[in-house]
Amino acid sequence: MKWLDAAMAAGAAHTYDLAIQLLADPATRDAGARLARAACHVWRAAPVELLPVLLRHCGPEPGPTMVAALTTASISDEAIRAHAAAVATAAFTPYPKPHRPCDCCTVVPAYDGVRAAAVLAAKPVGIGRLSHAPEIFGALLDAGPLTFRQAAQLYNLTFRWPGRMQAVSAPLWLRHAGPGVLPRLLALMTPHLSAYAVGEEYLEALARMGRAALPALPVVTAMIERRTRIPVNDSTPDGEMALDERLLRAALAARGAILADLADDADASRAGITCLPAASRGRASASGP
């Protein structure tokens, strides 16, 4: 639709104003709903600005175009928080939130040092993936320094390939090798924070690293403060918007964890207590690769 493209090209503020004008007139309401939906796909602030207008004009039995716009706007966490009362009484079904297994449905084996060592002994040194890596290496690091072979396995999990396993393993390598490896780890991690397939895992890893990840905070903050959606690849514009919202949610959680750890450190310093970074708590070792 050429008119839709032209309206969007004029910028966010113009698009919001035009959508509001179109929605106010029953004769152009569907066009306004289409424009509002397109704006939500492009600008993060659009759902907050336009959801209340959509709700005001949707009526008791909204048509399919209006329902589609309302559903799209409801993908935004901020919009739902800001307009929760109005959303609760509207005649549409909000976009389904991503399902993540709850702790009660995810059975993680219990590992002690002996069992963890046995698991790794059965794996090759050049291992590329490992289920329950945090629990396995965590148990070993709690018990004492890693052996040279175990450290080599963790090194390969951390440094050989980008992806989920690298994200999971990076805080473990920091705990094993100490703060000196932090610049190298962050250089590996920060380019992937906005990757739609694995960005959440890398951001969760930064959250686990706590204040040690402070040098990455500007990158995380830039993700949070951007006005337009992070480019992602999904089959639908709604799906792409949902992926951006998930990355935004993970970035907010990472920033919160880093700053909370800093605050805890400040409180501990005032009390005369010395703390280790979150990912380095326990016994760190310089053994291994």
Foldseek 3Di string as FASTA:
>chain_A
DVVLVVQVVVDDVSLLVVLLVQCVDPVRNLVSLVSLLVSVLWFVCSLLSCLVSLLVRQPQPRDPSSLNSNQLSLLRPVNCVVCVVSVVPHPHDHHDADDDDDPVRDDDDQDAQVRLVVVLVPDALLDADDPPVCRSLVNNLQVHADDQSVQSSLCNQQPVDDALSVLVSLLSVCQAAHLVCLVVSCVRQLVCLLALRGNLSNLVSLLQQAQSSVVSLVSLVCLLPDGTFRDYDDDDSSVSSSSSNSSNVSSVSSNVSNVVSVVVCVVCVVVVHHDDGSSNPGHYHNDYD
